[in-house]
């Protein structure tokens, strides 16, 4: 599979008025192509909380993941949104520990929520990106 990975950033997060579900829109860092991914309420709230620097008294799941990754002496090098099958998007975390890269399967929404907490870049397969007016 020769699909090039393109760096994207979280462009916006909101509610899709048609489906009344949350959608996170990733935008190509160097251009205007987009990748909308519909996500659950818990993941949406987790991303928003971090973006607005809101803290909870107890760590949320994605805060816990950050603590586990750093506590084990690993670094989150990048997250990737790799493909879509039957309307389900697939992602992965690329952790580095002791010079070794460990790939961990992840839902894209969880991967994004963890990436924003650790300041890691987000990449998406080029075939998933679309022009803004499509």
C-alpha atoms as a PDB file:
ATOM      1  CA  UNK A   1       0.000   0.000   0.000  1.00  0.00           C
ATOM      2  CA  UNK A   2       1.829   3.091  -1.237  1.00  0.00           C
ATOM      3  CA  UNK A   3      -0.479   5.635   0.389  1.00  0.00           C
ATOM      4  CA  UNK A   4       1.596   8.637   1.468  1.00  0.00           C
ATOM      5  CA  UNK A   5       1.071   9.919   5.008  1.00  0.00           C
ATOM      6  CA  UNK A   6       0.250  13.655   5.186  1.00  0.00           C
ATOM      7  CA  UNK A   7       0.552  15.717   8.373  1.00  0.00           C
ATOM      8  CA  UNK A   8      -2.767  17.133   9.559  1.00  0.00           C
ATOM      9  CA  UNK A   9      -3.905  19.294  12.473  1.00  0.00           C
ATOM     10  CA  UNK A  10      -7.178  19.508  14.375  1.00  0.00           C
ATOM     11  CA  UNK A  11      -9.001  22.251  12.479  1.00  0.00           C
ATOM     12  CA  UNK A  12     -12.319  22.211  14.301  1.00  0.00           C
ATOM     13  CA  UNK A  13     -14.561  20.091  16.419  1.00  0.00           C
ATOM     14  CA  UNK A  14     -18.306  20.385  16.506  1.00  0.00           C
ATOM     15  CA  UNK A  15     -21.662  18.717  16.076  1.00  0.00           C
ATOM     16  CA  UNK A  16     -22.799  17.519  12.658  1.00  0.00           C
ATOM     17  CA  UNK A  17     -26.277  19.069  12.357  1.00  0.00           C
ATOM     18  CA  UNK A  18     -27.465  16.250  10.083  1.00  0.00           C
ATOM     19  CA  UNK A  19     -26.583  13.344  12.353  1.00  0.00           C
ATOM     20  CA  UNK A  20     -26.428  15.189  15.722  1.00  0.00           C
ATOM     21  CA  UNK A  21     -23.083  13.465  16.354  1.00  0.00           C
ATOM     22  CA  UNK A  22     -19.656  14.930  17.049  1.00  0.00           C
ATOM     23  CA  UNK A  23     -17.192  15.406  14.224  1.00  0.00           C
ATOM     24  CA  UNK A  24     -13.516  16.319  14.391  1.00  0.00           C
ATOM     25  CA  UNK A  25     -12.158  17.917  11.235  1.00  0.00           C
ATOM     26  CA  UNK A  26      -8.494  17.353  10.487  1.00  0.00           C
ATOM     27  CA  UNK A  27      -6.899  19.721   7.977  1.00  0.00           C
ATOM     28  CA  UNK A  28      -3.760  19.169   5.934  1.00  0.00           C
ATOM     29  CA  UNK A  29      -1.001  21.194   7.603  1.00  0.00           C
ATOM     30  CA  UNK A  30       0.417  22.587   4.360  1.00  0.00           C
ATOM     31  CA  UNK A  31      -2.809  22.920   2.355  1.00  0.00           C
ATOM     32  CA  UNK A  32      -6.594  22.882   2.541  1.00  0.00           C
ATOM     33  CA  UNK A  33      -7.648  19.238   2.163  1.00  0.00           C
ATOM     34  CA  UNK A  34      -9.772  17.932   5.018  1.00  0.00           C
ATOM     35  CA  UNK A  35     -10.589  14.690   6.798  1.00  0.00           C
ATOM     36  CA  UNK A  36     -13.796  14.729   8.882  1.00  0.00           C
ATOM     37  CA  UNK A  37     -14.095  11.861  11.379  1.00  0.00           C
ATOM     38  CA  UNK A  38     -17.283  11.276  13.364  1.00  0.00           C
ATOM     39  CA  UNK A  39     -16.453  10.505  16.989  1.00  0.00           C
ATOM     40  CA  UNK A  40     -18.155   9.758  20.279  1.00  0.00           C
ATOM     41  CA  UNK A  41     -19.166  12.338  22.857  1.00  0.00           C
ATOM     42  CA  UNK A  42     -16.573  11.216  25.432  1.00  0.00           C
ATOM     43  CA  UNK A  43     -13.696  11.554  22.949  1.00  0.00           C
ATOM     44  CA  UNK A  44     -15.011  14.904  21.697  1.00  0.00           C
ATOM     45  CA  UNK A  45     -15.245  16.252  25.257  1.00  0.00           C
ATOM     46  CA  UNK A  46     -11.747  14.955  26.013  1.00  0.00           C
ATOM     47  CA  UNK A  47     -10.256  16.756  22.997  1.00  0.00           C
ATOM     48  CA  UNK A  48     -12.156  19.984  23.774  1.00  0.00           C
ATOM     49  CA  UNK A  49     -11.110  19.895  27.436  1.00  0.00           C
ATOM     50  CA  UNK A  50      -7.464  19.689  26.449  1.00  0.00           C
ATOM     51  CA  UNK A  51      -7.779  22.370  23.751  1.00  0.00           C
ATOM     52  CA  UNK A  52      -9.296  24.745  26.322  1.00  0.00           C
ATOM     53  CA  UNK A  53      -6.850  23.705  29.050  1.00  0.00           C
ATOM     54  CA  UNK A  54      -9.630  22.494  31.353  1.00  0.00           C
ATOM     55  CA  UNK A  55      -8.641  20.122  34.143  1.00  0.00           C
ATOM     56  CA  UNK A  56     -10.660  17.463  35.955  1.00  0.00           C
ATOM     57  CA  UNK A  57     -10.015  16.476  39.541  1.00  0.00           C
ATOM     58  CA  UNK A  58      -9.264  12.903  38.427  1.00  0.00           C
ATOM     59  CA  UNK A  59      -7.482  11.924  35.197  1.00  0.00           C
ATOM     60  CA  UNK A  60      -9.630  11.062  32.195  1.00  0.00           C
ATOM     61  CA  UNK A  61      -8.765   8.014  30.103  1.00  0.00           C
ATOM     62  CA  UNK A  62      -6.582   9.998  27.685  1.00  0.00           C
ATOM     63  CA  UNK A  63      -4.738  11.682  30.557  1.00  0.00           C
ATOM     64  CA  UNK A  64      -4.142   8.209  31.988  1.00  0.00           C
ATOM     65  CA  UNK A  65      -2.774   7.040  28.618  1.00  0.00           C
ATOM     66  CA  UNK A  66      -0.382  10.005  28.590  1.00  0.00           C
ATOM     67  CA  UNK A  67       0.807   9.143  32.104  1.00  0.00           C
ATOM     68  CA  UNK A  68       1.300   5.465  31.195  1.00  0.00           C
ATOM     69  CA  UNK A  69       3.276   6.326  28.037  1.00  0.00           C
ATOM     70  CA  UNK A  70       5.565   8.810  29.792  1.00  0.00           C
ATOM     71  CA  UNK A  71       5.776   6.671  32.950  1.00  0.00           C
ATOM     72  CA  UNK A  72       7.102   3.754  30.904  1.00  0.00           C
ATOM     73  CA  UNK A  73       9.780   6.012  29.446  1.00  0.00           C
ATOM     74  CA  UNK A  74       8.228   6.049  25.985  1.00  0.00           C
ATOM     75  CA  UNK A  75       7.639   8.931  23.568  1.00  0.00           C
ATOM     76  CA  UNK A  76       4.644   9.277  21.272  1.00  0.00           C
ATOM     77  CA  UNK A  77       6.389   9.957  17.947  1.00  0.00           C
ATOM     78  CA  UNK A  78       3.222  10.286  15.863  1.00  0.00           C
ATOM     79  CA  UNK A  79      -0.308   9.032  15.359  1.00  0.00           C
ATOM     80  CA  UNK A  80      -1.619   7.897  12.013  1.00  0.00           C
ATOM     81  CA  UNK A  81      -5.105   7.585  10.552  1.00  0.00           C
ATOM     82  CA  UNK A  82      -4.374   4.775   8.133  1.00  0.00           C
ATOM     83  CA  UNK A  83      -7.541   3.610   6.397  1.00  0.00           C
ATOM     84  CA  UNK A  84     -11.315   3.322   6.420  1.00  0.00           C
ATOM     85  CA  UNK A  85     -13.227   0.063   6.052  1.00  0.00           C
ATOM     86  CA  UNK A  86     -17.021  -0.221   6.240  1.00  0.00           C
ATOM     87  CA  UNK A  87     -17.258   3.378   7.533  1.00  0.00           C
ATOM     88  CA  UNK A  88     -14.823   2.605  10.356  1.00  0.00           C
ATOM     89  CA  UNK A  89     -11.577   4.558  10.507  1.00  0.00           C
ATOM     90  CA  UNK A  90      -8.409   2.900  11.766  1.00  0.00           C
ATOM     91  CA  UNK A  91      -5.549   4.583  13.563  1.00  0.00           C
ATOM     92  CA  UNK A  92      -2.329   3.747  15.306  1.00  0.00           C
ATOM     93  CA  UNK A  93      -0.002   5.199  17.894  1.00  0.00           C
ATOM     94  CA  UNK A  94       3.725   5.059  17.127  1.00  0.00           C
ATOM     95  CA  UNK A  95       5.555   4.888  20.448  1.00  0.00           C
ATOM     96  CA  UNK A  96       9.324   4.964  20.786  1.00  0.00           C
ATOM     97  CA  UNK A  97      11.069   3.354  23.726  1.00  0.00           C
ATOM     98  CA  UNK A  98      14.723   2.434  23.933  1.00  0.00           C
ATOM     99  CA  UNK A  99      15.233   3.138  20.235  1.00  0.00           C
ATOM    100  CA  UNK A 100      12.436   0.740  19.255  1.00  0.00           C
ATOM    101  CA  UNK A 101       9.169   1.801  17.572  1.00  0.00           C
ATOM    102  CA  UNK A 102       6.045   0.106  18.919  1.00  0.00           C
ATOM    103  CA  UNK A 103       2.840   0.439  16.880  1.00  0.00           C
ATOM    104  CA  UNK A 104      -0.401   0.306  18.864  1.00  0.00           C
ATOM    105  CA  UNK A 105      -3.797  -0.093  17.179  1.00  0.00           C
ATOM    106  CA  UNK A 106      -6.173   2.710  18.161  1.00  0.00           C
ATOM    107  CA  UNK A 107      -9.448   4.343  17.299  1.00  0.00           C
ATOM    108  CA  UNK A 108      -8.604   7.636  15.566  1.00  0.00           C
ATOM    109  CA  UNK A 109     -10.570   9.617  18.168  1.00  0.00           C
ATOM    110  CA  UNK A 110      -8.479   8.166  21.007  1.00  0.00           C
ATOM    111  CA  UNK A 111      -5.262   8.623  19.021  1.00  0.00           C
ATOM    112  CA  UNK A 112      -6.081  12.300  18.399  1.00  0.00           C
ATOM    113  CA  UNK A 113      -6.993  12.920  22.060  1.00  0.00           C
ATOM    114  CA  UNK A 114      -3.683  11.371  23.181  1.00  0.00           C
ATOM    115  CA  UNK A 115      -1.665  13.160  20.476  1.00  0.00           C
ATOM    116  CA  UNK A 116      -2.909  16.609  21.504  1.00  0.00           C
ATOM    117  CA  UNK A 117      -1.942  15.869  25.120  1.00  0.00           C
ATOM    118  CA  UNK A 118       1.585  14.800  24.195  1.00  0.00           C
ATOM    119  CA  UNK A 119       2.143  17.343  21.431  1.00  0.00           C
ATOM    120  CA  UNK A 120       2.659  14.590  18.861  1.00  0.00           C
ATOM    121  CA  UNK A 121       2.073  15.121  15.130  1.00  0.00           C
ATOM    122  CA  UNK A 122      -0.990  13.572  13.485  1.00  0.00           C
ATOM    123  CA  UNK A 123      -0.767  12.031  10.026  1.00  0.00           C
ATOM    124  CA  UNK A 124      -3.492  10.769   7.695  1.00  0.00           C
ATOM    125  CA  UNK A 125      -3.297   8.600   4.613  1.00  0.00           C
ATOM    126  CA  UNK A 126      -3.450  10.871   1.567  1.00  0.00           C
ATOM    127  CA  UNK A 127      -6.303   8.841   0.055  1.00  0.00           C
ATOM    128  CA  UNK A 128      -8.540   9.841   3.010  1.00  0.00           C
ATOM    129  CA  UNK A 129      -8.126  13.605   2.453  1.00  0.00           C
ATOM    130  CA  UNK A 130     -10.671  15.537   0.419  1.00  0.00           C
ATOM    131  CA  UNK A 131     -10.942  19.055  -0.934  1.00  0.00           C
ATOM    132  CA  UNK A 132     -12.993  21.387   1.250  1.00  0.00           C
ATOM    133  CA  UNK A 133     -15.755  21.758  -1.371  1.00  0.00           C
ATOM    134  CA  UNK A 134     -16.249  18.032  -2.085  1.00  0.00           C
END
